[in-house]
């Protein structure tokens, strides 16, 4: 008899050490405490404005983000058997290089310890010290493999600060492939604010969240595809947040544009390359956080039902 378990791969938690770090900071990202609005997580500079209504600054951050009892109650209420927890943005990208490695170790150990309190129900994606040296990042990837409850890493789209097509990331991709670590790619920075027009302030966070996040993910992955990341690291597996942004809808257009690009032809970059479709079927997993049936069908079509994960 086969027993199917519901596994939630896209669910964020902030362990105590991370909460303490954010509360200690005076600049974004930080947790701002206000007697009327409570604790609020501010991760965007535009929200760190004292002239704003307190309830418009960032987002509320209560025990549902940090309490294991809240997480388990949520899981029980929704019949979720297992959760693979991860830090939400902004991870550790903001740290000075001198603090990155030790902070990553502390927070990853904290996450692993949290999972150990409920063995079999909680696992985690680790966080990398991407503002540190490449050697420190690679060392943490290898160390994470020794932690019992870690199942991969979560990364934003900036990589080391220059995007996921940055050649300086090559040792990171190689180490992740070598250690068979899943990479959960999640948006954070969105698109430049001016693309939303002069009235954007009237619309709250609707446009950055609905459009900025998906397009950020799509652009980041397209850059990985065009730069040949998966040609060089053919066993590198990634999980894309929010069903890959708009990737399921634009994959065909991206492939066509690559094939017909004069510059790529002239530079000899089309010979021997893997197609977008091949990468989507072999290296990419998508979560189901897409909020609509049409998007869900598109995600299944491009990567396959067996590569679509609940979140």
Protein backbone atom coordinates (compact mmCIF):
# COMPACT_ATOMS: atom_id res chain seq x y z
CA UNK A 1 0.00 0.00 0.00
CA UNK A 2 1.39 3.39 -1.01
CA UNK A 3 1.05 6.17 1.53
CA UNK A 4 1.25 9.62 -0.05
CA UNK A 5 2.53 12.44 2.11
CA UNK A 6 1.90 16.14 1.58
CA UNK A 7 5.22 17.97 1.56
CA UNK A 8 5.28 21.78 1.61
CA UNK A 9 8.51 23.01 -0.02
CA UNK A 10 7.74 26.74 0.03
CA UNK A 11 7.16 27.81 3.61
CA UNK A 12 9.28 30.37 5.42
CA UNK A 13 10.41 30.64 9.01
CA UNK A 14 12.73 32.99 10.85
CA UNK A 15 14.66 31.14 13.60
CA UNK A 16 15.43 33.01 16.84
CA UNK A 17 18.97 33.94 15.76
CA UNK A 18 17.67 35.60 12.59
CA UNK A 19 14.95 37.51 14.44
CA UNK A 20 17.60 38.81 16.84
CA UNK A 21 19.81 39.85 13.94
CA UNK A 22 17.03 41.81 12.23
CA UNK A 23 15.95 43.48 15.47
CA UNK A 24 19.51 44.65 16.10
CA UNK A 25 19.74 46.49 12.80
CA UNK A 26 19.06 50.20 12.20
CA UNK A 27 19.03 50.02 8.40
CA UNK A 28 17.05 47.91 5.91
CA UNK A 29 16.50 45.01 6.23
CA UNK A 30 15.33 45.26 9.81
CA UNK A 31 12.45 44.64 12.18
CA UNK A 32 10.82 47.87 13.28
CA UNK A 33 8.85 47.81 16.53
CA UNK A 34 5.94 50.19 17.10
CA UNK A 35 3.56 50.25 20.05
CA UNK A 36 0.51 50.63 17.80
CA UNK A 37 1.40 48.38 14.86
CA UNK A 38 3.67 45.84 16.55
CA UNK A 39 6.76 44.33 14.93
CA UNK A 40 7.05 44.93 11.20
CA UNK A 41 9.64 43.51 8.83
CA UNK A 42 11.01 46.18 6.49
CA UNK A 43 13.01 44.77 3.59
CA UNK A 44 12.59 47.50 0.96
CA UNK A 45 14.18 50.94 1.31
CA UNK A 46 11.01 52.61 0.01
CA UNK A 47 9.13 51.27 3.06
CA UNK A 48 11.65 52.58 5.56
CA UNK A 49 10.13 56.05 5.66
CA UNK A 50 8.97 57.50 8.96
CA UNK A 51 6.43 59.69 7.18
CA UNK A 52 4.48 56.58 6.14
CA UNK A 53 1.58 55.29 8.17
CA UNK A 54 3.02 52.67 10.53
CA UNK A 55 0.68 50.04 9.12
CA UNK A 56 2.10 50.67 5.64
CA UNK A 57 5.72 50.12 6.62
CA UNK A 58 6.84 46.66 5.58
CA UNK A 59 4.72 43.74 6.72
CA UNK A 60 3.67 42.50 10.15
CA UNK A 61 5.89 39.78 11.53
CA UNK A 62 4.39 37.81 14.39
CA UNK A 63 4.88 34.36 15.89
CA UNK A 64 3.53 32.70 12.73
CA UNK A 65 6.96 33.45 11.21
CA UNK A 66 9.08 32.15 14.06
CA UNK A 67 7.07 29.86 16.36
CA UNK A 68 7.34 26.11 15.83
CA UNK A 69 4.00 25.58 17.55
CA UNK A 70 2.36 27.96 15.07
CA UNK A 71 4.03 26.18 12.15
CA UNK A 72 2.93 22.74 13.32
CA UNK A 73 -0.61 23.94 14.01
CA UNK A 74 -0.75 25.36 10.48
CA UNK A 75 0.50 22.06 9.08
CA UNK A 76 -2.04 20.06 11.05
CA UNK A 77 -4.86 22.39 10.06
CA UNK A 78 -4.03 21.96 6.36
CA UNK A 79 -3.11 18.25 6.48
CA UNK A 80 0.55 18.91 5.66
CA UNK A 81 2.76 16.03 6.71
CA UNK A 82 6.20 17.57 6.12
CA UNK A 83 7.47 21.12 5.68
CA UNK A 84 10.83 22.10 4.20
CA UNK A 85 11.29 25.47 5.88
CA UNK A 86 13.52 28.27 4.64
CA UNK A 87 14.38 31.84 5.47
CA UNK A 88 12.35 34.33 3.49
CA UNK A 89 14.05 37.19 1.72
CA UNK A 90 16.39 39.00 2.33
CA UNK A 91 18.39 36.00 3.62
CA UNK A 92 21.98 37.11 4.43
CA UNK A 93 22.88 39.11 1.33
CA UNK A 94 23.14 42.34 3.34
CA UNK A 95 25.90 41.22 5.72
CA UNK A 96 29.44 42.65 5.60
CA UNK A 97 31.88 40.07 4.26
CA UNK A 98 33.61 39.73 7.63
CA UNK A 99 30.41 38.50 9.30
CA UNK A 100 28.84 36.41 6.55
CA UNK A 101 30.37 32.97 7.13
CA UNK A 102 29.91 32.79 10.90
CA UNK A 103 26.37 34.20 10.70
CA UNK A 104 25.39 31.64 8.07
CA UNK A 105 26.75 28.82 10.22
CA UNK A 106 24.86 30.06 13.27
CA UNK A 107 21.55 30.47 11.47
CA UNK A 108 21.82 27.18 9.57
CA UNK A 109 22.63 25.37 12.82
CA UNK A 110 19.64 27.10 14.40
CA UNK A 111 17.36 25.92 11.56
CA UNK A 112 18.72 22.37 11.81
CA UNK A 113 18.14 22.36 15.57
CA UNK A 114 14.57 23.59 15.12
CA UNK A 115 13.92 20.72 12.72
CA UNK A 116 15.44 18.20 15.13
CA UNK A 117 12.76 19.05 17.69
CA UNK A 118 10.16 17.52 15.36
CA UNK A 119 12.01 14.79 13.44
CA UNK A 120 10.31 13.65 10.29
CA UNK A 121 8.01 16.67 10.11
CA UNK A 122 10.47 19.48 9.47
CA UNK A 123 13.43 19.79 7.12
CA UNK A 124 15.13 22.95 5.83
CA UNK A 125 16.88 24.77 3.03
CA UNK A 126 20.08 26.40 4.25
CA UNK A 127 21.24 29.95 3.61
CA UNK A 128 24.61 30.80 2.06
CA UNK A 129 27.07 33.57 3.09
CA UNK A 130 26.96 35.11 -0.38
CA UNK A 131 28.55 38.38 0.72
CA UNK A 132 31.58 36.44 1.95
CA UNK A 133 34.36 34.86 -0.07
CA UNK A 134 33.76 32.11 -2.62
CA UNK A 135 35.76 29.71 -0.43
CA UNK A 136 33.43 30.45 2.49
CA UNK A 137 30.34 29.90 0.36
CA UNK A 138 31.65 26.58 -0.96
CA UNK A 139 32.68 25.49 2.54
CA UNK A 140 29.17 26.15 3.84
CA UNK A 141 27.61 24.18 0.97
CA UNK A 142 29.75 21.19 1.94
CA UNK A 143 29.05 21.66 5.65
CA UNK A 144 25.30 21.78 5.04
CA UNK A 145 25.51 18.27 3.63
CA UNK A 146 26.57 17.07 7.09
CA UNK A 147 23.54 18.59 8.84
CA UNK A 148 20.84 15.96 9.24
CA UNK A 149 17.77 18.01 8.32
CA UNK A 150 19.13 20.18 5.50
CA UNK A 151 17.82 19.43 2.01
CA UNK A 152 19.44 22.16 -0.10
CA UNK A 153 19.86 25.93 -0.12
CA UNK A 154 17.72 28.97 -0.81
CA UNK A 155 19.12 31.84 -2.91
CA UNK A 156 17.93 35.15 -4.20
CA UNK A 157 18.42 36.27 -7.79
CA UNK A 158 21.36 38.60 -7.15
CA UNK A 159 23.85 35.79 -6.45
CA UNK A 160 27.09 37.46 -5.42
CA UNK A 161 25.61 40.81 -6.41
CA UNK A 162 25.77 40.50 -10.20
CA UNK A 163 23.02 38.02 -11.01
CA UNK A 164 22.89 34.27 -11.52
CA UNK A 165 24.79 34.39 -14.84
CA UNK A 166 27.85 35.77 -13.04
CA UNK A 167 30.88 33.62 -13.93
CA UNK A 168 32.17 34.11 -10.39
CA UNK A 169 29.36 31.76 -9.30
CA UNK A 170 30.85 28.82 -11.21
CA UNK A 171 32.50 27.26 -8.11
CA UNK A 172 29.19 27.64 -6.24
CA UNK A 173 27.20 25.84 -8.95
CA UNK A 174 29.89 23.17 -9.11
CA UNK A 175 29.80 22.61 -5.34
CA UNK A 176 26.01 22.46 -5.27
CA UNK A 177 26.05 19.89 -8.08
CA UNK A 178 28.83 17.89 -6.43
CA UNK A 179 26.95 17.79 -3.11
CA UNK A 180 23.62 17.06 -4.85
CA UNK A 181 22.06 20.08 -3.16
CA UNK A 182 18.77 21.47 -4.50
CA UNK A 183 18.84 25.24 -5.08
CA UNK A 184 15.57 27.00 -4.23
CA UNK A 185 15.59 30.28 -6.19
CA UNK A 186 13.33 32.95 -4.75
CA UNK A 187 12.79 36.59 -5.77
CA UNK A 188 13.44 39.59 -3.56
CA UNK A 189 14.37 42.76 -5.43
CA UNK A 190 11.61 42.88 -8.03
CA UNK A 191 11.88 45.45 -10.82
CA UNK A 192 12.93 49.13 -10.65
CA UNK A 193 10.15 51.14 -9.00
CA UNK A 194 9.81 53.55 -11.91
CA UNK A 195 8.41 50.83 -14.20
CA UNK A 196 5.17 50.97 -12.21
CA UNK A 197 4.51 54.61 -13.07
CA UNK A 198 3.94 57.79 -11.06
CA UNK A 199 0.76 56.48 -9.36
CA UNK A 200 2.33 53.30 -8.02
CA UNK A 201 2.23 54.61 -4.46
CA UNK A 202 -1.57 54.48 -4.57
CA UNK A 203 -1.56 50.72 -5.17
CA UNK A 204 0.25 49.48 -2.09
CA UNK A 205 2.46 46.48 -2.84
CA UNK A 206 0.21 45.01 -5.54
CA UNK A 207 2.36 45.75 -8.60
CA UNK A 208 5.77 44.79 -7.12
CA UNK A 209 4.41 41.54 -5.70
CA UNK A 210 2.12 40.54 -8.59
CA UNK A 211 4.45 41.58 -11.41
CA UNK A 212 7.88 42.41 -10.02
CA UNK A 213 8.52 39.09 -8.26
CA UNK A 214 7.51 36.83 -11.20
CA UNK A 215 9.46 38.89 -13.74
CA UNK A 216 12.51 39.00 -11.47
CA UNK A 217 12.51 35.19 -11.35
CA UNK A 218 11.95 34.86 -15.10
CA UNK A 219 14.79 37.24 -15.97
CA UNK A 220 17.19 35.55 -13.53
CA UNK A 221 16.54 32.08 -14.94
CA UNK A 222 16.66 33.30 -18.54
CA UNK A 223 20.11 34.72 -17.83
CA UNK A 224 21.20 31.34 -16.45
CA UNK A 225 19.87 29.65 -19.59
CA UNK A 226 21.46 32.03 -22.10
CA UNK A 227 24.82 32.04 -20.29
CA UNK A 228 24.97 28.24 -20.37
CA UNK A 229 24.91 27.47 -16.65
CA UNK A 230 23.14 24.15 -17.31
CA UNK A 231 25.43 23.34 -20.23
CA UNK A 232 28.36 23.42 -17.80
CA UNK A 233 26.54 21.92 -14.80
CA UNK A 234 24.17 19.41 -16.29
CA UNK A 235 23.15 17.81 -12.98
CA UNK A 236 22.40 21.09 -11.18
CA UNK A 237 18.81 21.01 -9.92
CA UNK A 238 16.83 24.13 -9.06
CA UNK A 239 13.41 24.68 -7.54
CA UNK A 240 11.81 27.91 -8.79
CA UNK A 241 9.47 29.84 -6.54
CA UNK A 242 6.00 30.82 -7.75
CA UNK A 243 6.04 28.27 -10.60
CA UNK A 244 9.02 29.99 -12.17
CA UNK A 245 7.37 33.38 -12.51
CA UNK A 246 6.32 33.74 -16.14
CA UNK A 247 8.78 31.10 -17.36
CA UNK A 248 6.09 28.50 -18.22
CA UNK A 249 4.41 31.01 -20.54
CA UNK A 250 7.59 32.47 -22.06
CA UNK A 251 9.78 29.36 -22.43
CA UNK A 252 8.94 28.97 -26.12
CA UNK A 253 9.62 32.62 -26.84
CA UNK A 254 12.94 32.48 -24.97
CA UNK A 255 14.00 29.38 -26.93
CA UNK A 256 13.02 30.97 -30.25
CA UNK A 257 14.88 34.19 -29.48
CA UNK A 258 18.03 32.25 -28.55
CA UNK A 259 17.93 30.20 -31.76
CA UNK A 260 17.48 33.25 -33.98
CA UNK A 261 19.88 35.65 -32.27
CA UNK A 262 22.58 36.89 -34.63
CA UNK A 263 25.06 37.72 -31.87
CA UNK A 264 24.83 34.24 -30.33
CA UNK A 265 25.26 32.64 -33.76
CA UNK A 266 28.27 34.83 -34.57
CA UNK A 267 29.92 33.99 -31.24
CA UNK A 268 29.35 30.26 -31.78
CA UNK A 269 27.25 29.88 -28.65
CA UNK A 270 24.46 27.86 -30.23
CA UNK A 271 26.47 24.74 -31.02
CA UNK A 272 25.98 21.95 -28.50
CA UNK A 273 23.72 23.96 -26.21
CA UNK A 274 20.86 22.36 -24.33
CA UNK A 275 17.42 23.64 -25.17
CA UNK A 276 15.22 25.48 -22.71
CA UNK A 277 12.80 22.55 -22.92
CA UNK A 278 15.50 20.03 -22.01
CA UNK A 279 16.56 22.02 -18.95
CA UNK A 280 12.95 22.46 -17.83
CA UNK A 281 12.33 18.72 -18.06
CA UNK A 282 15.59 17.57 -16.46
CA UNK A 283 16.88 20.24 -14.07
CA UNK A 284 13.99 22.48 -13.06
CA UNK A 285 11.36 21.85 -10.42
CA UNK A 286 8.49 24.29 -9.96
CA UNK A 287 6.39 24.92 -6.90
CA UNK A 288 2.61 25.26 -7.14
CA UNK A 289 2.44 28.79 -5.71
CA UNK A 290 0.84 30.25 -8.84
CA UNK A 291 -2.65 31.24 -7.58
CA UNK A 292 -4.65 30.09 -10.60
CA UNK A 293 -5.57 27.03 -12.61
CA UNK A 294 -4.21 28.35 -15.92
CA UNK A 295 -0.77 28.96 -14.41
CA UNK A 296 -0.80 25.55 -12.76
CA UNK A 297 -1.59 23.85 -16.08
CA UNK A 298 1.26 25.75 -17.75
CA UNK A 299 3.69 24.70 -15.02
CA UNK A 300 2.70 21.05 -15.47
CA UNK A 301 3.04 21.35 -19.24
CA UNK A 302 6.61 22.68 -19.23
CA UNK A 303 8.19 20.60 -16.46
CA UNK A 304 5.80 17.71 -15.91
CA UNK A 305 3.47 16.81 -13.04
CA UNK A 306 6.25 14.78 -11.41
CA UNK A 307 8.39 17.95 -11.14
CA UNK A 308 5.72 20.21 -9.70
CA UNK A 309 5.99 20.52 -5.93
CA UNK A 310 3.38 21.56 -3.40
CA UNK A 311 4.01 24.85 -1.68
